[in-house]
Protein backbone atom coordinates (compact mmCIF):
# COMPACT_ATOMS: atom_id res chain seq x y z
CA MET A 1 -19.18 -17.71 -16.94
CA TYR A 2 -17.83 -19.55 -13.90
CA GLU A 3 -15.06 -16.98 -13.45
CA TYR A 4 -17.54 -14.07 -13.39
CA LEU A 5 -19.74 -15.88 -10.85
CA GLN A 6 -16.64 -16.56 -8.74
CA VAL A 7 -15.69 -12.86 -8.78
CA PHE A 8 -19.26 -11.72 -8.07
CA PHE A 9 -19.55 -14.11 -5.15
CA GLY A 10 -16.06 -13.14 -4.00
CA ALA A 11 -16.83 -9.41 -4.05
CA ILE A 12 -19.90 -9.90 -1.87
CA LEU A 13 -18.02 -12.05 0.65
CA LEU A 14 -14.95 -9.77 0.78
CA ILE A 15 -17.30 -6.95 1.83
CA ALA A 16 -19.47 -9.09 4.11
CA LEU A 17 -16.45 -10.37 6.07
CA THR A 18 -16.18 -7.03 7.91
CA PHE A 19 -19.86 -6.70 8.92
CA PRO A 20 -19.34 -8.65 12.17
CA LEU A 21 -16.64 -6.08 13.08
CA SER A 22 -19.02 -3.13 12.68
CA ASN A 23 -19.78 -1.21 15.87
CA ASN A 24 -23.24 -0.33 14.48
CA PHE A 25 -24.12 -2.16 11.26
CA LYS A 26 -27.58 -0.55 11.23
CA ALA A 27 -25.97 2.86 10.73
CA ILE A 28 -23.87 1.82 7.71
CA ASN A 29 -24.33 4.16 4.74
CA TYR A 30 -24.72 1.65 1.89
CA LYS A 31 -24.63 4.49 -0.63
CA ASN A 32 -20.99 5.09 0.31
CA ILE A 33 -20.19 1.42 -0.28
CA LEU A 34 -21.76 1.58 -3.74
CA TYR A 35 -19.94 4.84 -4.53
CA ALA A 36 -16.62 3.34 -3.44
CA ILE A 37 -17.04 0.33 -5.74
CA LEU A 38 -18.09 2.55 -8.66
CA VAL A 39 -15.10 4.87 -8.13
CA MET A 40 -12.76 1.88 -8.04
CA PHE A 41 -14.18 0.58 -11.32
CA LEU A 42 -13.90 4.07 -12.85
CA PHE A 43 -10.28 4.49 -11.76
CA ALA A 44 -9.44 1.00 -13.06
CA PHE A 45 -11.15 1.70 -16.40
CA ILE A 46 -9.23 4.96 -16.85
CA LEU A 47 -5.82 3.86 -15.56
CA LEU A 48 -5.80 0.38 -17.14
CA ASN A 49 -7.09 1.49 -20.53
CA ASN A 50 -4.87 1.56 -23.60
CA PHE A 51 -5.41 5.28 -24.25
CA VAL A 52 -3.26 6.20 -21.21
CA ASN A 53 -0.40 3.94 -22.32
CA GLN A 54 1.72 6.85 -23.54
CA PHE A 55 1.39 8.62 -20.18
CA PHE A 56 2.55 5.58 -18.25
CA GLU A 57 5.23 4.87 -20.84
CA ALA A 58 6.64 8.31 -20.06
CA ILE A 59 6.52 7.48 -16.32
CA SER A 60 8.27 4.16 -17.00
CA ASN A 61 11.02 5.92 -18.96
CA GLY A 62 11.37 8.42 -16.12
CA VAL A 63 11.69 5.58 -13.61
CA ALA A 64 14.38 3.94 -15.76
CA LYS A 65 16.34 7.20 -15.88
CA LEU A 66 15.86 7.69 -12.14
CA SER A 67 17.20 4.19 -11.46
CA SER A 68 20.16 4.89 -13.74
CA ALA A 69 20.88 8.19 -11.99
CA THR A 70 20.64 6.49 -8.59
CA ALA A 71 23.09 3.83 -9.78
CA GLU A 72 25.55 6.60 -10.68
CA GLY A 73 25.43 7.97 -7.13
CA THR A 74 25.65 4.50 -5.58
CA SER A 75 28.58 3.57 -7.83
CA PHE A 76 30.43 6.74 -6.82
CA LEU A 77 29.92 5.96 -3.13
CA PHE A 78 30.62 2.21 -3.15
CA GLY A 79 32.88 1.99 -6.22
CA SER A 80 33.90 -1.50 -7.34
CA LEU A 81 31.70 -3.10 -4.67
CA PHE A 82 28.56 -1.88 -6.47
CA GLU A 83 29.96 -2.60 -9.93
CA SER A 84 30.70 -6.20 -8.91
CA HIS A 85 27.34 -6.70 -7.16
CA PRO A 86 24.84 -4.36 -8.88
CA TYR A 87 21.81 -6.48 -7.89
CA VAL A 88 22.50 -6.76 -4.17
CA PHE A 89 19.36 -5.49 -2.39
CA ALA A 90 21.18 -3.07 -0.07
CA LEU A 91 23.06 -1.46 -2.98
CA ASN A 92 20.28 -1.51 -5.55
CA VAL A 93 16.98 -0.93 -3.74
CA LEU A 94 17.74 1.08 -0.61
CA PRO A 95 19.51 3.98 -2.42
CA LEU A 96 16.47 4.29 -4.71
CA ILE A 97 14.23 4.77 -1.66
CA ILE A 98 16.45 7.66 -0.51
CA VAL A 99 16.42 9.35 -3.93
CA MET A 100 12.65 8.95 -4.33
CA SER A 101 12.01 10.37 -0.87
CA CYS A 102 14.15 13.40 -1.73
CA LEU A 103 12.35 13.86 -5.05
CA SER A 104 8.92 13.53 -3.41
CA ALA A 105 9.79 16.24 -0.88
CA LEU A 106 10.93 18.53 -3.69
CA LEU A 107 7.74 17.91 -5.71
CA TRP A 108 5.74 18.66 -2.58
CA HIS A 109 7.52 21.97 -2.03
CA TRP A 110 6.99 22.90 -5.68
CA ARG A 111 3.26 22.24 -5.07
CA ILE A 112 3.03 19.57 -7.78
CA LEU A 113 2.08 16.73 -5.43
CA PRO A 114 -0.44 18.82 -3.43
CA LEU A 115 -2.25 19.69 -6.67
CA ILE A 116 -2.59 16.01 -7.65
CA ILE A 117 -3.61 14.96 -4.14
CA LYS A 118 -6.25 17.71 -3.94
CA GLY A 119 -7.96 16.25 -7.01
CA LEU A 120 -8.23 12.81 -5.43
CA SER A 121 -9.22 14.20 -2.02
CA TYR A 122 -11.95 16.34 -3.65
CA VAL A 123 -13.55 13.15 -5.02
CA CYS A 124 -13.46 11.60 -1.53
CA GLU A 125 -14.93 14.74 0.07
CA LYS A 126 -17.88 15.06 -2.27
CA LEU A 127 -18.77 11.40 -2.77
CA PHE A 128 -18.32 10.10 0.77
CA ASN A 129 -19.23 13.22 2.77
CA LEU A 130 -15.80 13.31 4.39
CA GLY A 131 -13.97 16.27 5.86
CA GLY A 132 -11.13 17.96 4.00
CA PRO A 133 -8.31 16.88 6.37
CA VAL A 134 -9.05 13.15 6.36
CA SER A 135 -9.68 13.19 2.58
CA PHE A 136 -6.37 14.94 1.99
CA GLY A 137 -4.51 12.65 4.41
CA ALA A 138 -5.98 9.50 2.86
CA ALA A 139 -5.24 10.65 -0.69
CA ALA A 140 -1.67 11.61 0.22
CA ASN A 141 -0.93 7.95 0.97
CA VAL A 142 -0.84 7.27 -2.78
CA PHE A 143 2.45 9.19 -2.99
CA VAL A 144 3.97 9.32 0.50
CA GLY A 145 4.38 6.89 3.40
CA GLN A 146 1.83 5.86 6.00
CA VAL A 147 3.39 8.06 8.70
CA GLU A 148 4.32 10.99 6.43
CA ALA A 149 0.72 11.42 5.15
CA PRO A 150 -0.79 12.26 8.59
CA LEU A 151 1.93 14.92 8.98
CA PHE A 152 0.17 16.99 6.33
CA VAL A 153 -2.99 17.15 8.46
CA ARG A 154 -1.29 17.18 11.85
CA PRO A 155 -3.23 20.22 13.23
CA TYR A 156 -6.53 18.34 12.76
CA LEU A 157 -5.61 14.97 14.31
CA GLN A 158 -6.63 16.11 17.81
CA ASN A 159 -10.25 16.65 16.72
CA MET A 160 -10.77 13.84 14.21
CA SER A 161 -13.54 11.33 14.89
CA LYS A 162 -12.69 7.67 15.43
CA LYS A 163 -14.01 6.90 11.96
CA GLU A 164 -11.67 9.49 10.44
CA LEU A 165 -8.70 8.06 12.36
CA LEU A 166 -9.72 4.63 11.12
CA ILE A 167 -9.81 5.89 7.51
CA LEU A 168 -6.38 7.47 7.91
CA MET A 169 -4.86 4.27 9.32
CA THR A 170 -6.62 1.96 6.85
CA ALA A 171 -5.61 4.06 3.83
CA GLY A 172 -2.06 4.20 5.16
CA MET A 173 -1.76 0.42 5.35
CA ALA A 174 -3.72 -0.29 2.12
CA THR A 175 -1.26 1.69 -0.05
CA ILE A 176 2.48 1.96 -0.59
CA SER A 177 4.48 5.15 -1.03
CA GLY A 178 6.02 6.31 -4.29
CA SER A 179 9.56 5.73 -3.05
CA VAL A 180 8.81 2.13 -2.09
CA MET A 181 6.76 1.20 -5.18
CA ILE A 182 9.62 2.07 -7.52
CA ALA A 183 12.06 0.10 -5.37
CA LEU A 184 9.70 -2.90 -5.35
CA ALA A 185 9.17 -2.81 -9.11
CA GLY A 186 12.71 -4.06 -9.65
CA GLN A 187 11.97 -7.18 -7.60
CA LEU A 188 9.29 -8.33 -10.05
CA GLU A 189 11.19 -8.21 -13.34
CA ASN A 190 11.33 -12.01 -13.37
CA GLN A 191 7.51 -12.22 -13.30
CA PHE A 192 6.49 -9.23 -15.45
CA ALA A 193 8.95 -8.83 -18.30
CA ASP A 194 6.50 -6.97 -20.56
CA LEU A 195 4.33 -5.25 -17.93
CA ASN A 196 4.69 -1.68 -16.68
CA VAL A 197 4.82 -2.64 -13.00
CA VAL A 198 5.03 0.95 -11.71
CA ARG A 199 1.79 1.73 -13.56
CA HIS A 200 0.02 -1.07 -11.71
CA PHE A 201 1.51 -0.12 -8.34
CA LEU A 202 0.22 3.43 -8.81
CA THR A 203 -3.18 2.16 -9.94
CA ALA A 204 -3.36 -0.24 -6.97
CA SER A 205 -2.68 2.55 -4.47
CA MET A 206 -5.30 4.81 -6.07
CA LEU A 207 -7.92 2.04 -6.04
CA SER A 208 -7.13 1.23 -2.42
CA VAL A 209 -8.09 4.70 -1.14
CA PRO A 210 -11.85 4.36 -1.87
CA ALA A 211 -11.61 0.70 -0.81
CA ALA A 212 -10.17 1.78 2.56
CA ILE A 213 -12.96 4.34 2.97
CA MET A 214 -15.53 1.65 2.16
CA TYR A 215 -14.25 -0.73 4.84
CA ALA A 216 -13.97 2.07 7.40
CA GLU A 217 -17.58 3.02 6.66
CA ILE A 218 -18.67 -0.56 7.36
CA MET A 219 -16.67 -1.03 10.56
CA TYR A 220 -17.18 2.43 12.09
CA PRO A 221 -20.15 4.27 10.51
CA SER A 222 -20.35 7.92 11.57
CA ASN A 223 -21.40 11.30 10.17
CA ASP A 224 -18.87 13.33 12.20
CA VAL A 225 -16.85 15.59 9.87
CA THR A 226 -13.71 17.56 10.73
CA ASN A 227 -13.38 21.16 9.49
CA THR A 228 -12.16 21.96 5.99
CA ILE A 229 -8.40 21.92 5.60
CA ASN A 230 -6.53 25.22 5.32
CA THR A 231 -4.34 24.47 2.31
CA GLU A 232 -2.60 27.82 2.39
CA THR A 233 -0.90 27.20 5.73
CA ASP A 234 -0.87 23.41 6.21
CA GLU A 235 1.06 22.57 3.02
CA LYS A 236 4.09 24.76 3.81
CA ILE A 237 6.26 22.19 5.56
CA TYR A 238 9.54 23.12 3.83
CA LYS A 239 11.28 26.50 3.97
CA GLY A 240 12.80 26.18 0.51
CA SER A 241 13.97 23.75 -2.16
CA MET A 242 17.22 22.98 -0.36
CA ASP A 243 15.31 22.37 2.88
CA ALA A 244 13.04 19.95 1.00
CA ILE A 245 16.06 18.14 -0.45
CA THR A 246 17.84 17.76 2.89
CA LYS A 247 14.72 16.75 4.86
CA GLY A 248 13.54 14.43 2.09
CA THR A 249 16.96 12.76 1.96
CA ARG A 250 17.02 12.40 5.75
CA ASP A 251 13.53 10.88 5.77
CA GLY A 252 14.49 8.54 2.93
CA LEU A 253 17.56 7.40 4.85
CA ASN A 254 15.38 6.63 7.88
CA ILE A 255 13.01 4.60 5.70
CA ALA A 256 15.87 2.73 4.01
CA VAL A 257 17.54 1.87 7.33
CA ASN A 258 14.20 0.74 8.80
CA VAL A 259 13.49 -1.44 5.74
CA ALA A 260 16.95 -3.03 5.97
CA ALA A 261 16.66 -3.63 9.73
CA ILE A 262 13.15 -5.07 9.48
CA LEU A 263 14.15 -7.40 6.63
CA ILE A 264 17.11 -8.74 8.61
CA ALA A 265 15.04 -9.29 11.78
CA VAL A 266 11.91 -10.64 10.07
CA LEU A 267 13.73 -13.09 7.78
CA ALA A 268 15.71 -14.35 10.77
CA LEU A 269 12.51 -14.86 12.80
CA VAL A 270 10.82 -16.68 9.90
CA SER A 271 13.84 -18.96 9.66
CA ILE A 272 13.65 -19.68 13.40
CA VAL A 273 9.90 -20.45 13.20
CA ASP A 274 10.47 -22.72 10.18
CA GLY A 275 13.21 -24.51 12.10
CA VAL A 276 10.87 -25.19 15.01
CA LEU A 277 8.05 -26.32 12.70
CA GLY A 278 10.53 -28.55 10.84
CA LEU A 279 11.04 -30.52 14.06
CA ILE A 280 7.33 -31.41 13.96
CA SER A 281 7.25 -32.28 10.26
CA ALA A 282 9.77 -31.94 7.44
CA ASN A 283 7.08 -30.51 5.14
CA LEU A 284 5.75 -27.99 7.67
CA SER A 285 6.67 -24.30 7.45
CA LEU A 286 5.15 -20.92 8.30
CA GLN A 287 4.61 -20.27 4.61
CA SER A 288 2.75 -23.54 4.03
CA ILE A 289 0.46 -22.92 7.03
CA LEU A 290 -0.33 -19.38 5.88
CA GLY A 291 -1.01 -20.72 2.39
CA TYR A 292 -3.88 -22.87 3.62
CA VAL A 293 -5.23 -20.09 5.88
CA PHE A 294 -5.35 -17.45 3.11
CA ALA A 295 -6.20 -19.71 0.16
CA PRO A 296 -9.99 -19.04 0.49
CA ILE A 297 -9.34 -15.26 0.39
CA CYS A 298 -7.29 -15.71 -2.77
CA TRP A 299 -10.07 -17.76 -4.35
CA LEU A 300 -12.53 -14.97 -3.53
CA MET A 301 -10.30 -12.57 -5.50
CA GLY A 302 -10.79 -14.69 -8.62
CA ILE A 303 -7.71 -16.94 -8.42
CA PRO A 304 -8.23 -20.60 -9.48
CA TRP A 305 -8.16 -23.01 -6.53
CA ASN A 306 -5.14 -24.90 -7.90
CA GLU A 307 -3.14 -21.63 -7.57
CA ALA A 308 -4.88 -20.28 -4.45
CA ILE A 309 -2.67 -22.04 -1.87
CA GLY A 310 0.54 -20.72 -3.44
CA ALA A 311 -0.99 -17.24 -3.66
CA GLY A 312 -2.21 -17.55 -0.07
CA GLU A 313 1.37 -18.18 1.07
CA LEU A 314 2.41 -14.80 -0.37
CA LEU A 315 -0.58 -13.03 1.16
CA GLY A 316 0.08 -14.60 4.55
CA ILE A 317 3.79 -13.78 4.44
CA LYS A 318 2.91 -10.16 3.66
CA LEU A 319 0.63 -9.93 6.71
CA ALA A 320 3.01 -11.76 9.06
CA THR A 321 6.17 -9.99 7.87
CA ASN A 322 5.88 -7.18 5.31
CA GLU A 323 5.33 -6.43 1.62
CA PHE A 324 9.06 -6.42 0.85
CA VAL A 325 9.48 -10.04 1.95
CA ALA A 326 6.32 -11.04 0.04
CA TYR A 327 7.37 -9.32 -3.20
CA ILE A 328 10.92 -10.69 -2.98
CA GLN A 329 9.52 -14.22 -2.65
CA PHE A 330 7.01 -13.51 -5.43
CA GLY A 331 9.78 -12.31 -7.73
CA SER A 332 11.96 -15.35 -7.01
CA LEU A 333 9.28 -17.85 -8.08
CA ASP A 334 9.42 -19.64 -11.41
CA PRO A 335 7.45 -17.49 -13.92
CA ASP A 336 5.29 -20.52 -14.78
CA VAL A 337 4.01 -21.09 -11.22
CA PHE A 338 1.09 -18.67 -11.66
CA SER A 339 -1.00 -17.74 -14.68
CA GLU A 340 -0.68 -14.17 -15.99
CA LYS A 341 -4.04 -13.23 -14.48
CA THR A 342 -3.08 -14.57 -11.05
CA LYS A 343 0.23 -12.68 -11.20
CA VAL A 344 -1.58 -9.38 -11.77
CA ILE A 345 -4.14 -10.08 -9.02
CA MET A 346 -1.35 -10.83 -6.56
CA LEU A 347 0.62 -7.74 -7.60
CA TYR A 348 -2.40 -5.69 -6.47
CA ALA A 349 -3.26 -7.79 -3.41
CA LEU A 350 0.26 -7.47 -2.00
CA CYS A 351 0.39 -3.72 -2.64
CA GLY A 352 0.08 -2.24 0.83
CA PHE A 353 1.75 -1.83 4.21
CA ALA A 354 -0.86 -4.00 5.97
CA ASN A 355 1.12 -6.07 8.46
CA PHE A 356 1.47 -6.33 12.23
CA SER A 357 4.56 -4.12 12.45
CA SER A 358 2.76 -1.32 10.55
CA VAL A 359 0.10 -1.23 13.26
CA GLY A 360 2.75 -0.38 15.82
CA ILE A 361 4.39 2.14 13.48
CA LEU A 362 1.10 3.97 12.90
CA ILE A 363 0.06 4.01 16.56
CA SER A 364 3.43 5.38 17.64
CA GLY A 365 3.76 7.74 14.66
CA ILE A 366 0.29 9.32 14.74
CA GLY A 367 0.21 9.04 18.52
CA ALA A 368 3.32 11.22 18.73
CA MET A 369 1.48 13.89 16.70
CA ALA A 370 -1.70 13.68 18.79
CA GLU A 371 -0.91 12.14 22.17
CA ASN A 372 -4.47 12.46 23.50
CA ARG A 373 -5.73 10.15 20.69
CA LYS A 374 -3.40 7.20 21.32
CA SER A 375 -6.11 5.16 23.08
CA ASP A 376 -8.49 5.78 20.14
CA LEU A 377 -5.79 4.74 17.69
CA ILE A 378 -5.26 1.50 19.61
CA GLU A 379 -9.02 0.89 19.66
CA VAL A 380 -9.40 1.11 15.86
CA SER A 381 -6.02 -0.40 14.92
CA GLY A 382 -7.27 -3.99 14.62
CA LYS A 383 -10.10 -2.90 12.33
CA ALA A 384 -7.62 -0.85 10.30
CA LEU A 385 -5.40 -3.90 9.73
CA VAL A 386 -8.35 -6.05 8.62
CA GLY A 387 -9.77 -3.26 6.44
CA ALA A 388 -6.41 -2.51 4.79
CA THR A 389 -5.75 -6.19 4.04
CA LEU A 390 -9.18 -6.66 2.48
CA ALA A 391 -8.95 -3.32 0.63
CA SER A 392 -5.82 -4.54 -1.18
CA CYS A 393 -7.55 -7.86 -1.90
CA PHE A 394 -10.55 -6.02 -3.35
CA THR A 395 -8.29 -4.04 -5.68
CA GLY A 396 -6.81 -7.36 -6.80
CA LEU A 397 -10.30 -8.64 -7.57
CA ILE A 398 -11.07 -5.58 -9.71
CA ALA A 399 -7.70 -5.68 -11.47
CA GLY A 400 -8.36 -9.28 -12.47
CA LEU A 401 -11.43 -8.11 -14.38
CA PHE A 402 -9.52 -5.52 -16.40
CA VAL A 403 -6.17 -7.17 -17.13
């Protein structure tokens, strides 16, 4: 009984935290908040139910074969170096990002991804009274990256309202792309030996879309709607299958190089900060400070207080650095540090690009597509970061009720 009261109280507070950030809380459409929560529960019930196990088992087998195929290519390129060090991050994870990016581009050109995304965007359009472009762009984040998704609605960015830009940025940071989620799954084998991690990554990203819309509705309520998307012309971004393969591979390489560079720089900076803090106290570190700061948020998600500080360290590291660093640290922990329920909640809560560097990436990326909106993007970026962080936390809260 206590656990359910904790979650109920936590859900209310996780929503209420953003009310002070609203530019007009009297104009908030509370019906949209209720719809968002109901949709999240519905998605969780469907995707986390046993009757879809066979579907996700097939996806898991496909991922295993994809990883094996990627290893073949990596082994051919690096030879004995890869065979001697098959679990080195640069040789094991980064090539998978490139292959997944290539495959995603091909599935987009074959109109498989657009069909799936249209279904999710249709739900957003009808339930939340959103325009076609922002619904499509938000839904696309489930499968592609935070900068790639706005590319699909590039012609409409110039005319989007500030609320729609906020939704696009929040959804982008509250989810992770298909290429990254498969790469991250391998980092958590130590924690989830018998759990289909890819299934939960996919579920987390799908739940985070309505959560992102909910927080955007609270922080920037508006009824402005952009025109319906022209799917016949706006989806044709590749000239053919080979063009999709080459562009997808190139984009994947850019992502992989950026991930590698960011990890090197961020881990070095964290080490420098810890060194400075160590001069003050031997037990003081950036991770320990963030643990105490984010522990109350973790408790609101339904995590017991005796595990909340450790969970808060991971959540804080994700915000200060990125999700890769957080998941790598999560995967390296002793499996007995957290209970099984806490592990699942944290898997969902860490699932997103919500960090300070992503804010800069989104402002520069979307700003390059719509230069006249850069000031508006900067204006809503802080709200987007808060909304995306809390959206992932809210999905963790819901996942804890189902798993």
